[in-house]
Amino acid sequence: MTDSGMAIEFLGTFESLRMGPTFARGRRDERAGHVRQLTISGSLVVALVRGPEDATAFRARIAVRSFGASEWARVEQDLVTEARYAADLLGGRMPAGIGAVFAAAGLSLVPLSLDEVAMDCGCERWPMPCVHLAATCYALARSFEEDPFGVFAWRGRSRDELLLHLRELRAAAIPKSANSSADSEVYSANDSEIPSGDLGDPADFWGDQSAPIAPIGGRPGAVTRPDALLDQLDPPRITQQGRPIVDLLRPAYRAMPDA
């Protein structure tokens, strides 16, 4: 549902009253600027309307039920789960198809029937809705087109509060997903190196720690090849007349007496 589609759906609820002349007059009054003030708060819309034949402005009110904290929490979690919804809302746009998110929670952003709406007007004219309420309906629909967050405010969630909750939920989800991704990469990178089946006895890996370490030669604990040190280190990338420096040093090391 786009902001324009939401406005059309909202007006359809009221135009279903088949009060053609009243709503035609209300549409003209709204377009002529006779709705002097419109405020939207949790569950309540209030407008001051003064038509061309009115001596004073009348206060028109349209109320719906605000969604509860648990209902909003469920919807906000669903909005964050679907990344495009959260991205559009954080970018100040009404996502297409957002009505499906509320429908999945058993909710509707705009009232689907007049049973969900309470209305009154200071003019106290009958029948209701009067022309002032009709003008207010069109002003409200226009406000939804200009600022789609107004419909959230009408249902009890201001723009700032909704965006704050979405950011917090996204921030809470990112570390978890990032860590999971990193862990997945580590395991997938090492999977080919992990043997399948029985890994065997750790003692076989480390060897028999009680057995003496056999020396390379000579007396126990001694290294009888002085040049063995050259083999234990990465050879330096130095050459002399094309010969590796290790080969040049080896005779000198072998000439050293045993320690």
C-alpha atoms as a PDB file:
ATOM      1  CA  MET A   1       0.000   0.000   0.000  1.00  0.00           C
ATOM      2  CA  THR A   2       1.497   3.326  -1.043  1.00  0.00           C
ATOM      3  CA  ASP A   3       0.663   6.610   0.648  1.00  0.00           C
ATOM      4  CA  SER A   4      -1.723   7.427  -2.240  1.00  0.00           C
ATOM      5  CA  GLY A   5      -3.348   3.996  -2.008  1.00  0.00           C
ATOM      6  CA  MET A   6      -3.731   4.461   1.734  1.00  0.00           C
ATOM      7  CA  ALA A   7      -5.523   7.784   1.233  1.00  0.00           C
ATOM      8  CA  ILE A   8      -7.900   6.225  -1.295  1.00  0.00           C
ATOM      9  CA  GLU A   9      -8.640   3.298   0.998  1.00  0.00           C
ATOM     10  CA  PHE A  10      -9.217   5.649   3.918  1.00  0.00           C
ATOM     11  CA  LEU A  11     -11.646   7.836   1.933  1.00  0.00           C
ATOM     12  CA  GLY A  12     -13.417   4.744   0.649  1.00  0.00           C
ATOM     13  CA  THR A  13     -14.401   3.845   4.201  1.00  0.00           C
ATOM     14  CA  PHE A  14     -16.244   7.159   4.623  1.00  0.00           C
ATOM     15  CA  GLU A  15     -17.567   7.500   1.099  1.00  0.00           C
ATOM     16  CA  SER A  16     -19.260   4.117   1.557  1.00  0.00           C
ATOM     17  CA  LEU A  17     -21.840   6.057   3.614  1.00  0.00           C
ATOM     18  CA  ARG A  18     -23.397   7.079   0.303  1.00  0.00           C
ATOM     19  CA  MET A  19     -23.650  10.677   1.512  1.00  0.00           C
ATOM     20  CA  GLY A  20     -22.712  12.074  -1.880  1.00  0.00           C
ATOM     21  CA  PRO A  21     -23.771  15.728  -1.447  1.00  0.00           C
ATOM     22  CA  THR A  22     -22.184  16.039   2.008  1.00  0.00           C
ATOM     23  CA  PHE A  23     -18.854  14.628   0.918  1.00  0.00           C
ATOM     24  CA  ALA A  24     -18.852  16.589  -2.325  1.00  0.00           C
ATOM     25  CA  ARG A  25     -19.275  19.756  -0.261  1.00  0.00           C
ATOM     26  CA  GLY A  26     -16.602  18.631   2.192  1.00  0.00           C
ATOM     27  CA  ARG A  27     -14.162  17.993  -0.663  1.00  0.00           C
ATOM     28  CA  ARG A  28     -14.777  21.485  -2.053  1.00  0.00           C
ATOM     29  CA  ASP A  29     -14.338  23.072   1.387  1.00  0.00           C
ATOM     30  CA  GLU A  30     -11.077  21.227   1.949  1.00  0.00           C
ATOM     31  CA  ARG A  31      -9.733  22.271  -1.436  1.00  0.00           C
ATOM     32  CA  ALA A  32     -10.777  25.860  -0.722  1.00  0.00           C
ATOM     33  CA  GLY A  33      -8.699  25.862   2.462  1.00  0.00           C
ATOM     34  CA  HIS A  34     -11.548  25.883   4.964  1.00  0.00           C
ATOM     35  CA  VAL A  35      -9.823  23.287   7.151  1.00  0.00           C
ATOM     36  CA  ARG A  36      -7.795  25.783   9.140  1.00  0.00           C
ATOM     37  CA  GLN A  37      -5.942  23.393  11.402  1.00  0.00           C
ATOM     38  CA  LEU A  38      -5.356  19.634  11.480  1.00  0.00           C
ATOM     39  CA  THR A  39      -3.516  17.748  14.218  1.00  0.00           C
ATOM     40  CA  ILE A  40      -2.895  14.024  14.486  1.00  0.00           C
ATOM     41  CA  SER A  41      -2.070  12.320  17.756  1.00  0.00           C
ATOM     42  CA  GLY A  42      -2.415   8.883  19.238  1.00  0.00           C
ATOM     43  CA  SER A  43      -5.889   7.686  18.140  1.00  0.00           C
ATOM     44  CA  LEU A  44      -7.296  11.192  17.578  1.00  0.00           C
ATOM     45  CA  VAL A  45      -7.503  13.638  14.677  1.00  0.00           C
ATOM     46  CA  VAL A  46      -8.736  17.161  15.449  1.00  0.00           C
ATOM     47  CA  ALA A  47      -9.474  19.852  12.883  1.00  0.00           C
ATOM     48  CA  LEU A  48     -10.881  23.365  12.985  1.00  0.00           C
ATOM     49  CA  VAL A  49     -13.191  23.844  10.034  1.00  0.00           C
ATOM     50  CA  ARG A  50     -14.962  27.009   9.016  1.00  0.00           C
ATOM     51  CA  GLY A  51     -17.023  26.805   5.868  1.00  0.00           C
ATOM     52  CA  PRO A  52     -18.149  29.798   3.797  1.00  0.00           C
ATOM     53  CA  GLU A  53     -21.509  29.849   5.573  1.00  0.00           C
ATOM     54  CA  ASP A  54     -20.167  29.410   9.103  1.00  0.00           C
ATOM     55  CA  ALA A  55     -19.924  32.319  11.516  1.00  0.00           C
ATOM     56  CA  THR A  56     -17.290  30.505  13.560  1.00  0.00           C
ATOM     57  CA  ALA A  57     -14.947  27.565  13.149  1.00  0.00           C
ATOM     58  CA  PHE A  58     -16.109  24.198  14.432  1.00  0.00           C
ATOM     59  CA  ARG A  59     -13.961  21.511  15.956  1.00  0.00           C
ATOM     60  CA  ALA A  60     -14.273  18.169  14.165  1.00  0.00           C
ATOM     61  CA  ARG A  61     -12.804  14.998  15.681  1.00  0.00           C
ATOM     62  CA  ILE A  62     -12.212  11.532  14.262  1.00  0.00           C
ATOM     63  CA  ALA A  63     -10.921   8.814  16.578  1.00  0.00           C
ATOM     64  CA  VAL A  64      -9.687   5.272  16.041  1.00  0.00           C
ATOM     65  CA  ARG A  65      -8.185   2.704  18.387  1.00  0.00           C
ATOM     66  CA  SER A  66      -4.467   3.038  18.994  1.00  0.00           C
ATOM     67  CA  PHE A  67      -2.531  -0.197  18.677  1.00  0.00           C
ATOM     68  CA  GLY A  68      -1.157  -1.537  21.938  1.00  0.00           C
ATOM     69  CA  ALA A  69       2.523  -1.882  22.806  1.00  0.00           C
ATOM     70  CA  SER A  70       2.559  -5.621  22.112  1.00  0.00           C
ATOM     71  CA  GLU A  71       0.850  -5.121  18.743  1.00  0.00           C
ATOM     72  CA  TRP A  72       3.346  -2.484  17.708  1.00  0.00           C
ATOM     73  CA  ALA A  73       6.249  -4.628  18.933  1.00  0.00           C
ATOM     74  CA  ARG A  74       5.107  -7.491  16.719  1.00  0.00           C
ATOM     75  CA  VAL A  75       4.692  -5.221  13.685  1.00  0.00           C
ATOM     76  CA  GLU A  76       8.055  -3.506  14.224  1.00  0.00           C
ATOM     77  CA  GLN A  77       9.830  -6.852  14.439  1.00  0.00           C
ATOM     78  CA  ASP A  78       8.221  -7.930  11.159  1.00  0.00           C
ATOM     79  CA  LEU A  79       9.195  -4.621   9.531  1.00  0.00           C
ATOM     80  CA  VAL A  80      12.838  -5.114  10.506  1.00  0.00           C
ATOM     81  CA  THR A  81      12.829  -8.738   9.364  1.00  0.00           C
ATOM     82  CA  GLU A  82      11.880  -7.572   5.859  1.00  0.00           C
ATOM     83  CA  ALA A  83      14.823  -5.282   5.101  1.00  0.00           C
ATOM     84  CA  ARG A  84      13.125  -3.255   2.361  1.00  0.00           C
ATOM     85  CA  TYR A  85      10.347  -2.105   4.705  1.00  0.00           C
ATOM     86  CA  ALA A  86      12.795  -0.826   7.297  1.00  0.00           C
ATOM     87  CA  ALA A  87      14.969   0.788   4.615  1.00  0.00           C
ATOM     88  CA  ASP A  88      12.026   2.664   3.089  1.00  0.00           C
ATOM     89  CA  LEU A  89      10.681   3.831   6.444  1.00  0.00           C
ATOM     90  CA  LEU A  90      14.089   4.979   7.653  1.00  0.00           C
ATOM     91  CA  GLY A  91      14.359   6.839   4.346  1.00  0.00           C
ATOM     92  CA  GLY A  92      11.035   8.603   4.998  1.00  0.00           C
ATOM     93  CA  ARG A  93       9.024   6.595   2.461  1.00  0.00           C
ATOM     94  CA  MET A  94       5.894   4.489   2.861  1.00  0.00           C
ATOM     95  CA  PRO A  95       6.822   0.988   1.626  1.00  0.00           C
ATOM     96  CA  ALA A  96       4.617  -0.630  -0.982  1.00  0.00           C
ATOM     97  CA  GLY A  97       2.763  -3.581   0.493  1.00  0.00           C
ATOM     98  CA  ILE A  98       3.176  -2.513   4.091  1.00  0.00           C
ATOM     99  CA  GLY A  99      -0.487  -3.237   4.674  1.00  0.00           C
ATOM    100  CA  ALA A 100       0.333  -6.941   4.433  1.00  0.00           C
ATOM    101  CA  VAL A 101       2.616  -6.645   7.476  1.00  0.00           C
ATOM    102  CA  PHE A 102      -0.205  -5.202   9.563  1.00  0.00           C
ATOM    103  CA  ALA A 103      -2.705  -7.692   8.129  1.00  0.00           C
ATOM    104  CA  ALA A 104      -0.428 -10.572   9.182  1.00  0.00           C
ATOM    105  CA  ALA A 105      -0.681  -9.209  12.729  1.00  0.00           C
ATOM    106  CA  GLY A 106      -4.475  -8.960  12.434  1.00  0.00           C
ATOM    107  CA  LEU A 107      -4.357  -5.171  12.140  1.00  0.00           C
ATOM    108  CA  SER A 108      -5.104  -2.465   9.582  1.00  0.00           C
ATOM    109  CA  LEU A 109      -3.540   0.966   9.413  1.00  0.00           C
ATOM    110  CA  VAL A 110      -6.698   2.600   8.067  1.00  0.00           C
ATOM    111  CA  PRO A 111     -10.121   1.763   9.474  1.00  0.00           C
ATOM    112  CA  LEU A 112     -11.892  -0.848   7.357  1.00  0.00           C
ATOM    113  CA  SER A 113     -15.372   0.040   8.542  1.00  0.00           C
ATOM    114  CA  LEU A 114     -17.156   2.847  10.348  1.00  0.00           C
ATOM    115  CA  ASP A 115     -17.526   0.542  13.353  1.00  0.00           C
ATOM    116  CA  GLU A 116     -13.846   1.259  14.036  1.00  0.00           C
ATOM    117  CA  VAL A 117     -14.326   5.038  13.993  1.00  0.00           C
ATOM    118  CA  ALA A 118     -15.794   7.556  16.440  1.00  0.00           C
ATOM    119  CA  MET A 119     -16.694  11.033  15.145  1.00  0.00           C
ATOM    120  CA  ASP A 120     -18.144  14.231  16.519  1.00  0.00           C
ATOM    121  CA  CYS A 121     -18.301  17.903  15.566  1.00  0.00           C
ATOM    122  CA  GLY A 122     -19.032  21.101  17.457  1.00  0.00           C
ATOM    123  CA  CYS A 123     -21.747  22.042  14.957  1.00  0.00           C
ATOM    124  CA  GLU A 124     -23.931  19.191  16.285  1.00  0.00           C
ATOM    125  CA  ARG A 125     -25.745  18.981  12.984  1.00  0.00           C
ATOM    126  CA  TRP A 126     -27.487  15.825  11.948  1.00  0.00           C
ATOM    127  CA  PRO A 127     -26.921  13.451  10.257  1.00  0.00           C
ATOM    128  CA  MET A 128     -23.306  12.686  11.023  1.00  0.00           C
ATOM    129  CA  PRO A 129     -20.809  12.929   9.502  1.00  0.00           C
ATOM    130  CA  CYS A 130     -21.480  16.568   8.800  1.00  0.00           C
ATOM    131  CA  VAL A 131     -19.801  18.652   6.127  1.00  0.00           C
ATOM    132  CA  HIS A 132     -17.086  19.677   8.603  1.00  0.00           C
ATOM    133  CA  LEU A 133     -16.205  16.047   9.273  1.00  0.00           C
ATOM    134  CA  ALA A 134     -16.300  15.345   5.537  1.00  0.00           C
ATOM    135  CA  ALA A 135     -13.836  18.176   4.931  1.00  0.00           C
ATOM    136  CA  THR A 136     -11.672  16.806   7.748  1.00  0.00           C
ATOM    137  CA  CYS A 137     -11.626  13.367   6.089  1.00  0.00           C
ATOM    138  CA  TYR A 138     -10.282  14.867   2.863  1.00  0.00           C
ATOM    139  CA  ALA A 139      -7.749  16.980   4.753  1.00  0.00           C
ATOM    140  CA  LEU A 140      -6.599  13.875   6.619  1.00  0.00           C
ATOM    141  CA  ALA A 141      -6.274  11.877   3.393  1.00  0.00           C
ATOM    142  CA  ARG A 142      -4.208  14.708   1.883  1.00  0.00           C
ATOM    143  CA  SER A 143      -1.958  14.736   4.956  1.00  0.00           C
ATOM    144  CA  PHE A 144      -1.332  11.002   4.522  1.00  0.00           C
ATOM    145  CA  GLU A 145      -0.143  11.673   0.983  1.00  0.00           C
ATOM    146  CA  GLU A 146       2.174  14.445   2.139  1.00  0.00           C
ATOM    147  CA  ASP A 147       3.437  12.640   5.236  1.00  0.00           C
ATOM    148  CA  PRO A 148       2.654   8.902   5.377  1.00  0.00           C
ATOM    149  CA  PHE A 149       3.919   8.741   8.954  1.00  0.00           C
ATOM    150  CA  GLY A 150       0.726  10.498  10.022  1.00  0.00           C
ATOM    151  CA  VAL A 151      -1.220   7.259   9.777  1.00  0.00           C
ATOM    152  CA  PHE A 152       1.241   5.611  12.191  1.00  0.00           C
ATOM    153  CA  ALA A 153       0.791   8.506  14.610  1.00  0.00           C
ATOM    154  CA  TRP A 154      -2.976   8.063  14.369  1.00  0.00           C
ATOM    155  CA  ARG A 155      -2.507   4.446  15.420  1.00  0.00           C
ATOM    156  CA  GLY A 156      -0.347   5.413  18.382  1.00  0.00           C
ATOM    157  CA  ARG A 157       3.230   5.458  17.049  1.00  0.00           C
ATOM    158  CA  SER A 158       4.879   8.788  16.280  1.00  0.00           C
ATOM    159  CA  ARG A 159       7.445   9.061  13.503  1.00  0.00           C
ATOM    160  CA  ASP A 160      10.388   9.535  15.886  1.00  0.00           C
ATOM    161  CA  GLU A 161       9.339   6.678  18.137  1.00  0.00           C
ATOM    162  CA  LEU A 162       8.798   4.270  15.234  1.00  0.00           C
ATOM    163  CA  LEU A 163      12.147   5.088  13.614  1.00  0.00           C
ATOM    164  CA  LEU A 164      13.942   4.834  16.960  1.00  0.00           C
ATOM    165  CA  HIS A 165      12.510   1.360  17.559  1.00  0.00           C
ATOM    166  CA  LEU A 166      13.408   0.227  14.043  1.00  0.00           C
ATOM    167  CA  ARG A 167      17.001   1.462  14.453  1.00  0.00           C
ATOM    168  CA  GLU A 168      17.320  -0.268  17.820  1.00  0.00           C
ATOM    169  CA  LEU A 169      15.985  -3.538  16.434  1.00  0.00           C
ATOM    170  CA  ARG A 170      18.321  -3.354  13.457  1.00  0.00           C
ATOM    171  CA  ALA A 171      21.291  -2.574  15.696  1.00  0.00           C
ATOM    172  CA  ALA A 172      20.438  -5.536  17.924  1.00  0.00           C
ATOM    173  CA  ALA A 173      20.206  -7.845  14.912  1.00  0.00           C
ATOM    174  CA  ILE A 174      23.390  -6.768  13.110  1.00  0.00           C
ATOM    175  CA  PRO A 175      25.988  -8.069  15.642  1.00  0.00           C
ATOM    176  CA  LYS A 176      24.249 -11.429  15.800  1.00  0.00           C
ATOM    177  CA  SER A 177      24.082 -11.839  12.053  1.00  0.00           C
ATOM    178  CA  ALA A 178      27.624 -10.518  11.604  1.00  0.00           C
ATOM    179  CA  ASN A 179      29.004 -12.984  14.140  1.00  0.00           C
ATOM    180  CA  SER A 180      27.039 -15.819  12.604  1.00  0.00           C
ATOM    181  CA  SER A 181      28.380 -14.885   9.189  1.00  0.00           C
ATOM    182  CA  ALA A 182      31.945 -14.711  10.474  1.00  0.00           C
ATOM    183  CA  ASP A 183      31.607 -18.077  12.214  1.00  0.00           C
ATOM    184  CA  SER A 184      30.145 -19.575   9.072  1.00  0.00           C
ATOM    185  CA  GLU A 185      33.057 -18.288   7.021  1.00  0.00           C
ATOM    186  CA  VAL A 186      35.600 -19.709   9.473  1.00  0.00           C
ATOM    187  CA  TYR A 187      34.012 -23.140   9.489  1.00  0.00           C
ATOM    188  CA  SER A 188      33.455 -23.228   5.756  1.00  0.00           C
ATOM    189  CA  ALA A 189      37.057 -22.163   5.134  1.00  0.00           C
ATOM    190  CA  ASN A 190      38.376 -24.949   7.386  1.00  0.00           C
ATOM    191  CA  ASP A 191      35.897 -27.673   6.506  1.00  0.00           C
ATOM    192  CA  SER A 192      38.210 -29.105   3.847  1.00  0.00           C
ATOM    193  CA  GLU A 193      41.015 -29.351   6.399  1.00  0.00           C
ATOM    194  CA  ILE A 194      39.017 -31.208   9.035  1.00  0.00           C
ATOM    195  CA  PRO A 195      39.241 -35.002   8.586  1.00  0.00           C
ATOM    196  CA  SER A 196      36.007 -36.920   8.736  1.00  0.00           C
ATOM    197  CA  GLY A 197      35.402 -39.803  11.089  1.00  0.00           C
ATOM    198  CA  ASP A 198      37.328 -40.616  14.249  1.00  0.00           C
ATOM    199  CA  LEU A 199      40.005 -38.064  15.064  1.00  0.00           C
ATOM    200  CA  GLY A 200      41.922 -40.652  17.037  1.00  0.00           C
ATOM    201  CA  ASP A 201      43.706 -40.515  20.368  1.00  0.00           C
ATOM    202  CA  PRO A 202      45.234 -37.100  21.177  1.00  0.00           C
ATOM    203  CA  ALA A 203      48.265 -38.937  22.566  1.00  0.00           C
ATOM    204  CA  ASP A 204      48.955 -40.237  19.081  1.00  0.00           C
ATOM    205  CA  PHE A 205      49.114 -36.689  17.855  1.00  0.00           C
ATOM    206  CA  TRP A 206      51.414 -35.365  20.549  1.00  0.00           C
ATOM    207  CA  GLY A 207      53.415 -38.540  20.820  1.00  0.00           C
ATOM    208  CA  ASP A 208      54.571 -40.367  23.920  1.00  0.00           C
ATOM    209  CA  GLN A 209      55.581 -37.543  26.242  1.00  0.00           C
ATOM    210  CA  SER A 210      57.318 -39.974  28.637  1.00  0.00           C
ATOM    211  CA  ALA A 211      59.795 -41.162  26.015  1.00  0.00           C
ATOM    212  CA  PRO A 212      63.159 -39.373  25.883  1.00  0.00           C
ATOM    213  CA  ILE A 213      63.722 -37.122  22.967  1.00  0.00           C
ATOM    214  CA  ALA A 214      66.306 -38.707  20.738  1.00  0.00           C
ATOM    215  CA  PRO A 215      69.186 -36.412  19.945  1.00  0.00           C
ATOM    216  CA  ILE A 216      70.296 -35.956  16.410  1.00  0.00           C
ATOM    217  CA  GLY A 217      73.555 -37.500  17.405  1.00  0.00           C
ATOM    218  CA  GLY A 218      76.224 -37.598  20.138  1.00  0.00           C
ATOM    219  CA  ARG A 219      75.414 -37.318  23.797  1.00  0.00           C
ATOM    220  CA  PRO A 220      71.751 -36.918  24.992  1.00  0.00           C
ATOM    221  CA  GLY A 221      70.466 -33.383  24.711  1.00  0.00           C
ATOM    222  CA  ALA A 222      73.250 -32.301  22.380  1.00  0.00           C
ATOM    223  CA  VAL A 223      72.988 -31.266  18.766  1.00  0.00           C
ATOM    224  CA  THR A 224      75.924 -32.801  16.930  1.00  0.00           C
ATOM    225  CA  ARG A 225      75.157 -30.938  13.667  1.00  0.00           C
ATOM    226  CA  PRO A 226      76.030 -27.293  14.315  1.00  0.00           C
ATOM    227  CA  ASP A 227      74.534 -26.301  10.939  1.00  0.00           C
ATOM    228  CA  ALA A 228      71.117 -27.744  11.994  1.00  0.00           C
ATOM    229  CA  LEU A 229      70.260 -24.239  13.193  1.00  0.00           C
ATOM    230  CA  LEU A 230      70.323 -23.076   9.590  1.00  0.00           C
ATOM    231  CA  ASP A 231      67.671 -25.657   8.725  1.00  0.00           C
ATOM    232  CA  GLN A 232      65.357 -24.549  11.545  1.00  0.00           C
ATOM    233  CA  LEU A 233      65.063 -20.987  10.295  1.00  0.00           C
ATOM    234  CA  ASP A 234      63.562 -19.568   7.146  1.00  0.00           C
ATOM    235  CA  PRO A 235      66.495 -18.950   4.799  1.00  0.00           C
ATOM    236  CA  PRO A 236      67.171 -15.246   4.237  1.00  0.00           C
ATOM    237  CA  ARG A 237      66.724 -13.993   0.691  1.00  0.00           C
ATOM    238  CA  ILE A 238      70.421 -13.139   0.333  1.00  0.00           C
ATOM    239  CA  THR A 239      72.745 -14.571  -2.285  1.00  0.00           C
ATOM    240  CA  GLN A 240      76.432 -14.266  -3.074  1.00  0.00           C
ATOM    241  CA  GLN A 241      77.318 -14.675  -6.728  1.00  0.00           C
ATOM    242  CA  GLY A 242      74.106 -16.556  -7.234  1.00  0.00           C
ATOM    243  CA  ARG A 243      74.533 -18.920  -4.265  1.00  0.00           C
ATOM    244  CA  PRO A 244      72.149 -18.745  -1.249  1.00  0.00           C
ATOM    245  CA  ILE A 245      73.819 -17.271   1.810  1.00  0.00           C
ATOM    246  CA  VAL A 246      72.824 -20.393   3.785  1.00  0.00           C
ATOM    247  CA  ASP A 247      75.019 -22.567   1.583  1.00  0.00           C
ATOM    248  CA  LEU A 248      77.914 -20.206   2.138  1.00  0.00           C
ATOM    249  CA  LEU A 249      77.471 -20.234   5.915  1.00  0.00           C
ATOM    250  CA  ARG A 250      76.995 -23.982   6.285  1.00  0.00           C
ATOM    251  CA  PRO A 251      80.727 -24.929   6.099  1.00  0.00           C
ATOM    252  CA  ALA A 252      81.520 -22.346   8.764  1.00  0.00           C
ATOM    253  CA  TYR A 253      78.825 -23.721  11.098  1.00  0.00           C
ATOM    254  CA  ARG A 254      80.005 -27.320  10.551  1.00  0.00           C
ATOM    255  CA  ALA A 255      83.541 -26.297  11.448  1.00  0.00           C
ATOM    256  CA  MET A 256      82.392 -25.176  14.894  1.00  0.00           C
ATOM    257  CA  PRO A 257      83.339 -27.556  17.771  1.00  0.00           C
ATOM    258  CA  ASP A 258      80.542 -29.311  19.700  1.00  0.00           C
ATOM    259  CA  ALA A 259      79.248 -27.326  22.637  1.00  0.00           C
END
